[in-house]
All heavy atoms as atom14 arrays in JSON, in Angstrom:
{
  "sequence": "LILSLGLYNIISTQIRLARRTEGRILPRHLALAACVYMANHKEAKGE",
  "atom14_mask": [
    [1, 1, 1, 1, 1, 1, 1, 1, 0, 0, 0, 0, 0, 0],
    [1, 1, 1, 1, 1, 1, 1, 1, 0, 0, 0, 0, 0, 0],
    [1, 1, 1, 1, 1, 1, 1, 1, 0, 0, 0, 0, 0, 0],
    [1, 1, 1, 1, 1, 1, 0, 0, 0, 0, 0, 0, 0, 0],
    [1, 1, 1, 1, 1, 1, 1, 1, 0, 0, 0, 0, 0, 0],
    [1, 1, 1, 1, 0, 0, 0, 0, 0, 0, 0, 0, 0, 0],
    [1, 1, 1, 1, 1, 1, 1, 1, 0, 0, 0, 0, 0, 0],
    [1, 1, 1, 1, 1, 1, 1, 1, 1, 1, 1, 1, 0, 0],
    [1, 1, 1, 1, 1, 1, 1, 1, 0, 0, 0, 0, 0, 0],
    [1, 1, 1, 1, 1, 1, 1, 1, 0, 0, 0, 0, 0, 0],
    [1, 1, 1, 1, 1, 1, 1, 1, 0, 0, 0, 0, 0, 0],
    [1, 1, 1, 1, 1, 1, 0, 0, 0, 0, 0, 0, 0, 0],
    [1, 1, 1, 1, 1, 1, 1, 0, 0, 0, 0, 0, 0, 0],
    [1, 1, 1, 1, 1, 1, 1, 1, 1, 0, 0, 0, 0, 0],
    [1, 1, 1, 1, 1, 1, 1, 1, 0, 0, 0, 0, 0, 0],
    [1, 1, 1, 1, 1, 1, 1, 1, 1, 1, 1, 0, 0, 0],
    [1, 1, 1, 1, 1, 1, 1, 1, 0, 0, 0, 0, 0, 0],
    [1, 1, 1, 1, 1, 0, 0, 0, 0, 0, 0, 0, 0, 0],
    [1, 1, 1, 1, 1, 1, 1, 1, 1, 1, 1, 0, 0, 0],
    [1, 1, 1, 1, 1, 1, 1, 1, 1, 1, 1, 0, 0, 0],
    [1, 1, 1, 1, 1, 1, 1, 0, 0, 0, 0, 0, 0, 0],
    [1, 1, 1, 1, 1, 1, 1, 1, 1, 0, 0, 0, 0, 0],
    [1, 1, 1, 1, 0, 0, 0, 0, 0, 0, 0, 0, 0, 0],
    [1, 1, 1, 1, 1, 1, 1, 1, 1, 1, 1, 0, 0, 0],
    [1, 1, 1, 1, 1, 1, 1, 1, 0, 0, 0, 0, 0, 0],
    [1, 1, 1, 1, 1, 1, 1, 1, 0, 0, 0, 0, 0, 0],
    [1, 1, 1, 1, 1, 1, 1, 0, 0, 0, 0, 0, 0, 0],
    [1, 1, 1, 1, 1, 1, 1, 1, 1, 1, 1, 0, 0, 0],
    [1, 1, 1, 1, 1, 1, 1, 1, 1, 1, 0, 0, 0, 0],
    [1, 1, 1, 1, 1, 1, 1, 1, 0, 0, 0, 0, 0, 0],
    [1, 1, 1, 1, 1, 0, 0, 0, 0, 0, 0, 0, 0, 0],
    [1, 1, 1, 1, 1, 1, 1, 1, 0, 0, 0, 0, 0, 0],
    [1, 1, 1, 1, 1, 0, 0, 0, 0, 0, 0, 0, 0, 0],
    [1, 1, 1, 1, 1, 0, 0, 0, 0, 0, 0, 0, 0, 0],
    [1, 1, 1, 1, 1, 1, 0, 0, 0, 0, 0, 0, 0, 0],
    [1, 1, 1, 1, 1, 1, 1, 0, 0, 0, 0, 0, 0, 0],
    [1, 1, 1, 1, 1, 1, 1, 1, 1, 1, 1, 1, 0, 0],
    [1, 1, 1, 1, 1, 1, 1, 1, 0, 0, 0, 0, 0, 0],
    [1, 1, 1, 1, 1, 0, 0, 0, 0, 0, 0, 0, 0, 0],
    [1, 1, 1, 1, 1, 1, 1, 1, 0, 0, 0, 0, 0, 0],
    [1, 1, 1, 1, 1, 1, 1, 1, 1, 1, 0, 0, 0, 0],
    [1, 1, 1, 1, 1, 1, 1, 1, 1, 0, 0, 0, 0, 0],
    [1, 1, 1, 1, 1, 1, 1, 1, 1, 0, 0, 0, 0, 0],
    [1, 1, 1, 1, 1, 0, 0, 0, 0, 0, 0, 0, 0, 0],
    [1, 1, 1, 1, 1, 1, 1, 1, 1, 0, 0, 0, 0, 0],
    [1, 1, 1, 1, 0, 0, 0, 0, 0, 0, 0, 0, 0, 0],
    [1, 1, 1, 1, 1, 1, 1, 1, 1, 0, 0, 0, 0, 0]
  ],
  "atom14_positions": [
    [[49.69, 113.16, 43.66], [50.01, 114.48, 44.18], [49.08, 114.83, 45.35], [49.52, 115.31, 46.4], [49.87, 115.53, 43.08], [50.13, 116.99, 43.49], [51.56, 117.13, 44.01], [49.88, 117.93, 42.32], [0.0, 0.0, 0.0], [0.0, 0.0, 0.0], [0.0, 0.0, 0.0], [0.0, 0.0, 0.0], [0.0, 0.0, 0.0], [0.0, 0.0, 0.0]],
    [[47.8, 114.58, 45.15], [46.81, 114.84, 46.22], [47.11, 113.96, 47.43], [47.06, 114.41, 48.58], [45.38, 114.59, 45.7], [45.03, 115.64, 44.63], [44.37, 114.64, 46.85], [43.74, 115.36, 43.9], [0.0, 0.0, 0.0], [0.0, 0.0, 0.0], [0.0, 0.0, 0.0], [0.0, 0.0, 0.0], [0.0, 0.0, 0.0], [0.0, 0.0, 0.0]],
    [[47.43, 112.68, 47.16], [47.77, 111.76, 48.25], [49.0, 112.24, 49.02], [49.03, 112.21, 50.25], [48.0, 110.36, 47.69], [48.34, 109.26, 48.71], [47.18, 109.07, 49.69], [48.65, 107.95, 48.0], [0.0, 0.0, 0.0], [0.0, 0.0, 0.0], [0.0, 0.0, 0.0], [0.0, 0.0, 0.0], [0.0, 0.0, 0.0], [0.0, 0.0, 0.0]],
    [[50.0, 112.7, 48.26], [51.24, 113.18, 48.88], [50.98, 114.41, 49.74], [51.49, 114.53, 50.86], [52.28, 113.51, 47.82], [52.61, 112.37, 47.06], [0.0, 0.0, 0.0], [0.0, 0.0, 0.0], [0.0, 0.0, 0.0], [0.0, 0.0, 0.0], [0.0, 0.0, 0.0], [0.0, 0.0, 0.0], [0.0, 0.0, 0.0], [0.0, 0.0, 0.0]],
    [[50.16, 115.32, 49.21], [49.83, 116.52, 49.96], [49.07, 116.18, 51.23], [49.29, 116.76, 52.3], [49.01, 117.49, 49.1], [49.76, 118.18, 47.95], [48.79, 118.97, 47.07], [50.83, 119.12, 48.51], [0.0, 0.0, 0.0], [0.0, 0.0, 0.0], [0.0, 0.0, 0.0], [0.0, 0.0, 0.0], [0.0, 0.0, 0.0], [0.0, 0.0, 0.0]],
    [[48.15, 115.21, 51.1], [47.39, 114.77, 52.27], [48.29, 114.16, 53.33], [48.18, 114.48, 54.52], [0.0, 0.0, 0.0], [0.0, 0.0, 0.0], [0.0, 0.0, 0.0], [0.0, 0.0, 0.0], [0.0, 0.0, 0.0], [0.0, 0.0, 0.0], [0.0, 0.0, 0.0], [0.0, 0.0, 0.0], [0.0, 0.0, 0.0], [0.0, 0.0, 0.0]],
    [[49.21, 113.28, 52.89], [50.14, 112.66, 53.82], [51.06, 113.7, 54.46], [51.36, 113.63, 55.65], [50.98, 111.6, 53.09], [50.24, 110.32, 52.68], [51.13, 109.45, 51.83], [49.77, 109.56, 53.92], [0.0, 0.0, 0.0], [0.0, 0.0, 0.0], [0.0, 0.0, 0.0], [0.0, 0.0, 0.0], [0.0, 0.0, 0.0], [0.0, 0.0, 0.0]],
    [[51.48, 114.67, 53.63], [52.35, 115.73, 54.16], [51.63, 116.52, 55.25], [52.2, 116.8, 56.31], [52.77, 116.68, 53.04], [53.49, 117.91, 53.53], [54.83, 117.85, 53.91], [52.81, 119.13, 53.64], [55.47, 118.97, 54.38], [53.46, 120.25, 54.11], [54.78, 120.17, 54.48], [55.42, 121.29, 54.96], [0.0, 0.0, 0.0], [0.0, 0.0, 0.0]],
    [[50.36, 116.86, 54.98], [49.6, 117.62, 55.98], [49.41, 116.81, 57.26], [49.52, 117.34, 58.38], [48.23, 118.01, 55.41], [48.34, 119.11, 54.37], [49.26, 119.92, 54.42], [47.41, 119.14, 53.43], [0.0, 0.0, 0.0], [0.0, 0.0, 0.0], [0.0, 0.0, 0.0], [0.0, 0.0, 0.0], [0.0, 0.0, 0.0], [0.0, 0.0, 0.0]],
    [[49.13, 115.51, 57.09], [48.93, 114.65, 58.26], [50.22, 114.55, 59.07], [50.22, 114.72, 60.29], [48.45, 113.25, 57.83], [47.03, 113.34, 57.26], [48.48, 112.28, 59.02], [46.54, 112.05, 56.63], [0.0, 0.0, 0.0], [0.0, 0.0, 0.0], [0.0, 0.0, 0.0], [0.0, 0.0, 0.0], [0.0, 0.0, 0.0], [0.0, 0.0, 0.0]],
    [[51.34, 114.27, 58.36], [52.62, 114.1, 59.04], [53.08, 115.4, 59.7], [53.54, 115.42, 60.84], [53.68, 113.58, 58.05], [53.33, 112.16, 57.61], [55.07, 113.61, 58.68], [54.17, 111.63, 56.48], [0.0, 0.0, 0.0], [0.0, 0.0, 0.0], [0.0, 0.0, 0.0], [0.0, 0.0, 0.0], [0.0, 0.0, 0.0], [0.0, 0.0, 0.0]],
    [[52.95, 116.52, 58.96], [53.39, 117.81, 59.52], [52.54, 118.19, 60.73], [53.05, 118.74, 61.71], [53.33, 118.9, 58.46], [52.01, 119.06, 57.98], [0.0, 0.0, 0.0], [0.0, 0.0, 0.0], [0.0, 0.0, 0.0], [0.0, 0.0, 0.0], [0.0, 0.0, 0.0], [0.0, 0.0, 0.0], [0.0, 0.0, 0.0], [0.0, 0.0, 0.0]],
    [[51.25, 117.86, 60.66], [50.38, 118.12, 61.82], [50.8, 117.3, 63.01], [50.85, 117.79, 64.15], [48.91, 117.81, 61.46], [48.5, 118.65, 60.36], [47.99, 118.06, 62.65], [0.0, 0.0, 0.0], [0.0, 0.0, 0.0], [0.0, 0.0, 0.0], [0.0, 0.0, 0.0], [0.0, 0.0, 0.0], [0.0, 0.0, 0.0], [0.0, 0.0, 0.0]],
    [[51.13, 116.01, 62.75], [51.58, 115.14, 63.82], [52.89, 115.62, 64.43], [53.09, 115.57, 65.64], [51.74, 113.7, 63.29], [50.45, 113.02, 62.89], [49.53, 112.81, 64.07], [49.98, 112.54, 65.18], [48.23, 112.94, 63.85], [0.0, 0.0, 0.0], [0.0, 0.0, 0.0], [0.0, 0.0, 0.0], [0.0, 0.0, 0.0], [0.0, 0.0, 0.0]],
    [[53.79, 116.12, 63.56], [55.08, 116.63, 64.05], [54.86, 117.87, 64.92], [55.45, 117.99, 65.99], [56.01, 116.96, 62.86], [56.45, 115.66, 62.16], [57.23, 117.75, 63.33], [57.22, 115.88, 60.88], [0.0, 0.0, 0.0], [0.0, 0.0, 0.0], [0.0, 0.0, 0.0], [0.0, 0.0, 0.0], [0.0, 0.0, 0.0], [0.0, 0.0, 0.0]],
    [[53.99, 118.79, 64.43], [53.71, 120.0, 65.22], [53.06, 119.63, 66.55], [53.38, 120.21, 67.59], [52.81, 120.95, 64.43], [53.5, 121.65, 63.26], [52.67, 122.82, 62.78], [51.37, 122.4, 62.28], [51.12, 122.05, 61.02], [52.13, 122.08, 60.13], [49.92, 121.69, 60.63], [0.0, 0.0, 0.0], [0.0, 0.0, 0.0], [0.0, 0.0, 0.0]],
    [[52.14, 118.66, 66.51], [51.48, 118.21, 67.73], [52.48, 117.6, 68.71], [52.44, 117.86, 69.91], [50.38, 117.21, 67.39], [49.61, 116.62, 68.59], [48.89, 117.74, 69.33], [48.61, 115.57, 68.1], [0.0, 0.0, 0.0], [0.0, 0.0, 0.0], [0.0, 0.0, 0.0], [0.0, 0.0, 0.0], [0.0, 0.0, 0.0], [0.0, 0.0, 0.0]],
    [[53.4, 116.78, 68.15], [54.41, 116.15, 69.0], [55.31, 117.2, 69.64], [55.67, 117.09, 70.82], [55.25, 115.18, 68.17], [0.0, 0.0, 0.0], [0.0, 0.0, 0.0], [0.0, 0.0, 0.0], [0.0, 0.0, 0.0], [0.0, 0.0, 0.0], [0.0, 0.0, 0.0], [0.0, 0.0, 0.0], [0.0, 0.0, 0.0], [0.0, 0.0, 0.0]],
    [[55.66, 118.22, 68.86], [56.51, 119.28, 69.41], [55.79, 120.07, 70.48], [56.38, 120.41, 71.51], [56.98, 120.21, 68.28], [58.05, 119.6, 67.39], [58.41, 120.51, 66.25], [59.49, 119.94, 65.45], [59.88, 120.44, 64.28], [59.28, 121.51, 63.78], [60.87, 119.86, 63.61], [0.0, 0.0, 0.0], [0.0, 0.0, 0.0], [0.0, 0.0, 0.0]],
    [[54.5, 120.37, 70.23], [53.73, 121.09, 71.24], [53.59, 120.25, 72.51], [53.68, 120.76, 73.62], [52.35, 121.48, 70.69], [52.37, 122.67, 69.75], [50.98, 123.26, 69.62], [50.03, 122.31, 69.07], [49.76, 122.16, 67.78], [50.4, 122.93, 66.9], [48.86, 121.29, 67.36], [0.0, 0.0, 0.0], [0.0, 0.0, 0.0], [0.0, 0.0, 0.0]],
    [[53.35, 118.95, 72.31], [53.21, 118.06, 73.46], [54.51, 118.0, 74.25], [54.52, 118.06, 75.48], [52.8, 116.64, 73.0], [51.57, 116.74, 72.28], [52.62, 115.72, 74.19], [0.0, 0.0, 0.0], [0.0, 0.0, 0.0], [0.0, 0.0, 0.0], [0.0, 0.0, 0.0], [0.0, 0.0, 0.0], [0.0, 0.0, 0.0], [0.0, 0.0, 0.0]],
    [[55.61, 117.86, 73.51], [56.92, 117.83, 74.15], [57.18, 119.13, 74.88], [57.71, 119.15, 75.99], [58.02, 117.59, 73.11], [59.41, 117.48, 73.71], [60.48, 117.32, 72.63], [60.29, 117.87, 71.53], [61.48, 116.66, 72.91], [0.0, 0.0, 0.0], [0.0, 0.0, 0.0], [0.0, 0.0, 0.0], [0.0, 0.0, 0.0], [0.0, 0.0, 0.0]],
    [[56.77, 120.25, 74.24], [56.98, 121.55, 74.83], [56.21, 121.75, 76.13], [56.58, 122.58, 76.96], [0.0, 0.0, 0.0], [0.0, 0.0, 0.0], [0.0, 0.0, 0.0], [0.0, 0.0, 0.0], [0.0, 0.0, 0.0], [0.0, 0.0, 0.0], [0.0, 0.0, 0.0], [0.0, 0.0, 0.0], [0.0, 0.0, 0.0], [0.0, 0.0, 0.0]],
    [[55.12, 121.0, 76.33], [54.34, 121.1, 77.56], [54.73, 120.04, 78.58], [54.83, 120.32, 79.77], [52.84, 120.98, 77.24], [52.27, 122.14, 76.46], [50.78, 121.97, 76.26], [50.06, 122.04, 77.52], [49.65, 123.17, 78.08], [49.87, 124.33, 77.5], [48.99, 123.15, 79.23], [0.0, 0.0, 0.0], [0.0, 0.0, 0.0], [0.0, 0.0, 0.0]],
    [[54.96, 118.81, 78.1], [55.22, 117.71, 79.02], [56.61, 117.79, 79.64], [56.77, 117.63, 80.85], [55.04, 116.36, 78.3], [53.55, 116.15, 77.98], [55.55, 115.21, 79.16], [53.26, 114.89, 77.22], [0.0, 0.0, 0.0], [0.0, 0.0, 0.0], [0.0, 0.0, 0.0], [0.0, 0.0, 0.0], [0.0, 0.0, 0.0], [0.0, 0.0, 0.0]],
    [[57.63, 118.08, 78.82], [58.99, 118.09, 79.34], [59.18, 119.17, 80.41], [59.7, 118.88, 81.5], [60.0, 118.27, 78.2], [61.48, 118.18, 78.59], [61.77, 116.9, 79.34], [62.37, 118.27, 77.35], [0.0, 0.0, 0.0], [0.0, 0.0, 0.0], [0.0, 0.0, 0.0], [0.0, 0.0, 0.0], [0.0, 0.0, 0.0], [0.0, 0.0, 0.0]],
    [[58.75, 120.42, 80.17], [58.87, 121.41, 81.24], [58.1, 121.02, 82.49], [58.53, 121.3, 83.61], [58.3, 122.69, 80.61], [58.49, 122.5, 79.15], [58.27, 121.03, 78.92], [0.0, 0.0, 0.0], [0.0, 0.0, 0.0], [0.0, 0.0, 0.0], [0.0, 0.0, 0.0], [0.0, 0.0, 0.0], [0.0, 0.0, 0.0], [0.0, 0.0, 0.0]],
    [[56.96, 120.36, 82.32], [56.18, 119.94, 83.48], [56.94, 118.91, 84.31], [56.94, 118.96, 85.54], [54.83, 119.37, 83.03], [53.89, 119.06, 84.17], [52.53, 118.67, 83.64], [51.89, 119.76, 82.92], [50.75, 119.64, 82.26], [50.14, 118.47, 82.21], [50.23, 120.67, 81.64], [0.0, 0.0, 0.0], [0.0, 0.0, 0.0], [0.0, 0.0, 0.0]],
    [[57.62, 117.98, 83.63], [58.43, 117.0, 84.34], [59.61, 117.68, 85.04], [60.0, 117.28, 86.15], [58.94, 115.92, 83.39], [57.91, 114.89, 83.04], [57.37, 114.03, 83.98], [57.3, 114.59, 81.88], [56.48, 113.24, 83.41], [56.42, 113.56, 82.13], [0.0, 0.0, 0.0], [0.0, 0.0, 0.0], [0.0, 0.0, 0.0], [0.0, 0.0, 0.0]],
    [[60.16, 118.7, 84.4], [61.25, 119.45, 85.02], [60.74, 120.17, 86.27], [61.44, 120.24, 87.29], [61.83, 120.45, 84.03], [62.64, 119.85, 82.88], [62.91, 120.9, 81.81], [63.95, 119.28, 83.38], [0.0, 0.0, 0.0], [0.0, 0.0, 0.0], [0.0, 0.0, 0.0], [0.0, 0.0, 0.0], [0.0, 0.0, 0.0], [0.0, 0.0, 0.0]],
    [[59.53, 120.72, 86.18], [58.95, 121.39, 87.34], [58.73, 120.4, 88.48], [58.98, 120.71, 89.65], [57.63, 122.06, 86.95], [0.0, 0.0, 0.0], [0.0, 0.0, 0.0], [0.0, 0.0, 0.0], [0.0, 0.0, 0.0], [0.0, 0.0, 0.0], [0.0, 0.0, 0.0], [0.0, 0.0, 0.0], [0.0, 0.0, 0.0], [0.0, 0.0, 0.0]],
    [[58.27, 119.21, 88.15], [58.1, 118.16, 89.16], [59.44, 117.78, 89.78], [59.54, 117.52, 90.98], [57.42, 116.94, 88.56], [55.92, 117.05, 88.31], [55.43, 115.87, 87.48], [55.16, 117.14, 89.62], [0.0, 0.0, 0.0], [0.0, 0.0, 0.0], [0.0, 0.0, 0.0], [0.0, 0.0, 0.0], [0.0, 0.0, 0.0], [0.0, 0.0, 0.0]],
    [[60.48, 117.76, 88.92], [61.83, 117.44, 89.42], [62.28, 118.49, 90.43], [62.91, 118.17, 91.44], [62.81, 117.36, 88.26], [0.0, 0.0, 0.0], [0.0, 0.0, 0.0], [0.0, 0.0, 0.0], [0.0, 0.0, 0.0], [0.0, 0.0, 0.0], [0.0, 0.0, 0.0], [0.0, 0.0, 0.0], [0.0, 0.0, 0.0], [0.0, 0.0, 0.0]],
    [[61.94, 119.75, 90.16], [62.28, 120.81, 91.11], [61.56, 120.61, 92.43], [62.13, 120.83, 93.51], [61.93, 122.18, 90.51], [0.0, 0.0, 0.0], [0.0, 0.0, 0.0], [0.0, 0.0, 0.0], [0.0, 0.0, 0.0], [0.0, 0.0, 0.0], [0.0, 0.0, 0.0], [0.0, 0.0, 0.0], [0.0, 0.0, 0.0], [0.0, 0.0, 0.0]],
    [[60.31, 120.16, 92.37], [59.54, 119.89, 93.6], [60.16, 118.76, 94.39], [60.28, 118.84, 95.62], [58.09, 119.53, 93.24], [57.15, 120.89, 92.52], [0.0, 0.0, 0.0], [0.0, 0.0, 0.0], [0.0, 0.0, 0.0], [0.0, 0.0, 0.0], [0.0, 0.0, 0.0], [0.0, 0.0, 0.0], [0.0, 0.0, 0.0], [0.0, 0.0, 0.0]],
    [[60.55, 117.69, 93.69], [61.18, 116.55, 94.36], [62.49, 116.98, 95.01], [62.79, 116.61, 96.15], [61.42, 115.39, 93.37], [62.25, 114.3, 94.01], [60.09, 114.83, 92.88], [0.0, 0.0, 0.0], [0.0, 0.0, 0.0], [0.0, 0.0, 0.0], [0.0, 0.0, 0.0], [0.0, 0.0, 0.0], [0.0, 0.0, 0.0], [0.0, 0.0, 0.0]],
    [[63.26, 117.77, 94.27], [64.53, 118.26, 94.82], [64.3, 119.08, 96.08], [64.98, 118.9, 97.09], [65.25, 119.11, 93.77], [66.46, 119.83, 94.33], [67.67, 119.16, 94.53], [66.38, 121.17, 94.7], [68.76, 119.81, 95.07], [67.47, 121.83, 95.24], [68.67, 121.14, 95.42], [69.74, 121.79, 95.96], [0.0, 0.0, 0.0], [0.0, 0.0, 0.0]],
    [[63.31, 119.98, 96.02], [63.03, 120.82, 97.18], [62.57, 119.99, 98.37], [62.99, 120.22, 99.5], [61.97, 121.85, 96.82], [62.5, 123.08, 96.11], [63.78, 123.91, 97.07], [62.89, 124.27, 98.59], [0.0, 0.0, 0.0], [0.0, 0.0, 0.0], [0.0, 0.0, 0.0], [0.0, 0.0, 0.0], [0.0, 0.0, 0.0], [0.0, 0.0, 0.0]],
    [[61.7, 119.01, 98.11], [61.19, 118.15, 99.2], [62.34, 117.38, 99.85], [62.44, 117.31, 101.07], [60.14, 117.2, 98.66], [0.0, 0.0, 0.0], [0.0, 0.0, 0.0], [0.0, 0.0, 0.0], [0.0, 0.0, 0.0], [0.0, 0.0, 0.0], [0.0, 0.0, 0.0], [0.0, 0.0, 0.0], [0.0, 0.0, 0.0], [0.0, 0.0, 0.0]],
    [[63.23, 116.82, 99.02], [64.37, 116.07, 99.56], [65.35, 117.0, 100.28], [65.93, 116.64, 101.3], [65.1, 115.34, 98.42], [64.27, 114.21, 97.84], [63.37, 113.7, 98.5], [64.55, 113.84, 96.61], [0.0, 0.0, 0.0], [0.0, 0.0, 0.0], [0.0, 0.0, 0.0], [0.0, 0.0, 0.0], [0.0, 0.0, 0.0], [0.0, 0.0, 0.0]],
    [[65.51, 118.19, 99.74], [66.43, 119.16, 100.32], [65.96, 119.57, 101.72], [66.77, 119.71, 102.63], [66.5, 120.4, 99.42], [67.52, 121.4, 99.84], [68.86, 121.14, 99.87], [67.38, 122.68, 100.27], [69.52, 122.21, 100.29], [68.64, 123.15, 100.54], [0.0, 0.0, 0.0], [0.0, 0.0, 0.0], [0.0, 0.0, 0.0], [0.0, 0.0, 0.0]],
    [[64.66, 119.71, 101.87], [64.11, 120.1, 103.17], [64.23, 118.98, 104.2], [64.36, 119.22, 105.38], [62.64, 120.49, 103.01], [62.46, 121.83, 102.31], [61.05, 122.0, 101.82], [60.08, 122.06, 102.97], [58.69, 122.27, 102.52], [0.0, 0.0, 0.0], [0.0, 0.0, 0.0], [0.0, 0.0, 0.0], [0.0, 0.0, 0.0], [0.0, 0.0, 0.0]],
    [[64.17, 117.73, 103.72], [64.25, 116.6, 104.63], [65.69, 116.31, 105.06], [65.93, 115.72, 106.1], [63.66, 115.35, 103.97], [62.15, 115.42, 103.8], [61.61, 114.23, 103.03], [62.41, 113.35, 102.68], [60.4, 114.19, 102.78], [0.0, 0.0, 0.0], [0.0, 0.0, 0.0], [0.0, 0.0, 0.0], [0.0, 0.0, 0.0], [0.0, 0.0, 0.0]],
    [[66.65, 116.75, 104.22], [68.06, 116.44, 104.5], [68.65, 117.44, 105.49], [69.59, 118.16, 105.21], [68.86, 116.46, 103.19], [0.0, 0.0, 0.0], [0.0, 0.0, 0.0], [0.0, 0.0, 0.0], [0.0, 0.0, 0.0], [0.0, 0.0, 0.0], [0.0, 0.0, 0.0], [0.0, 0.0, 0.0], [0.0, 0.0, 0.0], [0.0, 0.0, 0.0]],
    [[68.08, 117.51, 106.67], [68.49, 118.52, 107.65], [69.9, 118.28, 108.19], [70.53, 119.18, 108.7], [67.48, 118.56, 108.8], [66.12, 119.05, 108.35], [65.15, 119.1, 109.52], [63.78, 119.59, 109.06], [62.81, 119.62, 110.17], [0.0, 0.0, 0.0], [0.0, 0.0, 0.0], [0.0, 0.0, 0.0], [0.0, 0.0, 0.0], [0.0, 0.0, 0.0]],
    [[70.37, 117.05, 108.05], [71.69, 116.76, 108.59], [72.82, 117.07, 107.63], [73.98, 117.01, 107.99], [0.0, 0.0, 0.0], [0.0, 0.0, 0.0], [0.0, 0.0, 0.0], [0.0, 0.0, 0.0], [0.0, 0.0, 0.0], [0.0, 0.0, 0.0], [0.0, 0.0, 0.0], [0.0, 0.0, 0.0], [0.0, 0.0, 0.0], [0.0, 0.0, 0.0]],
    [[72.5, 117.44, 106.39], [73.54, 117.7, 105.4], [74.29, 118.99, 105.73], [73.71, 119.96, 106.22], [72.93, 117.78, 104.0], [72.44, 116.45, 103.48], [71.98, 116.55, 102.03], [72.2, 117.61, 101.44], [71.43, 115.57, 101.52], [0.0, 0.0, 0.0], [0.0, 0.0, 0.0], [0.0, 0.0, 0.0], [0.0, 0.0, 0.0], [0.0, 0.0, 0.0]]
  ]
}
């Protein structure tokens, strides 16, 4: 029971950490994508 509780705490902590990490990294990549889009958009003067 103690082992199970310990594993549960470890796993749940890892899941929360993964979600927090995803919550920070994915939006950051999206923000970078917006920058790349803007940079390309500005260069495409002939479009």
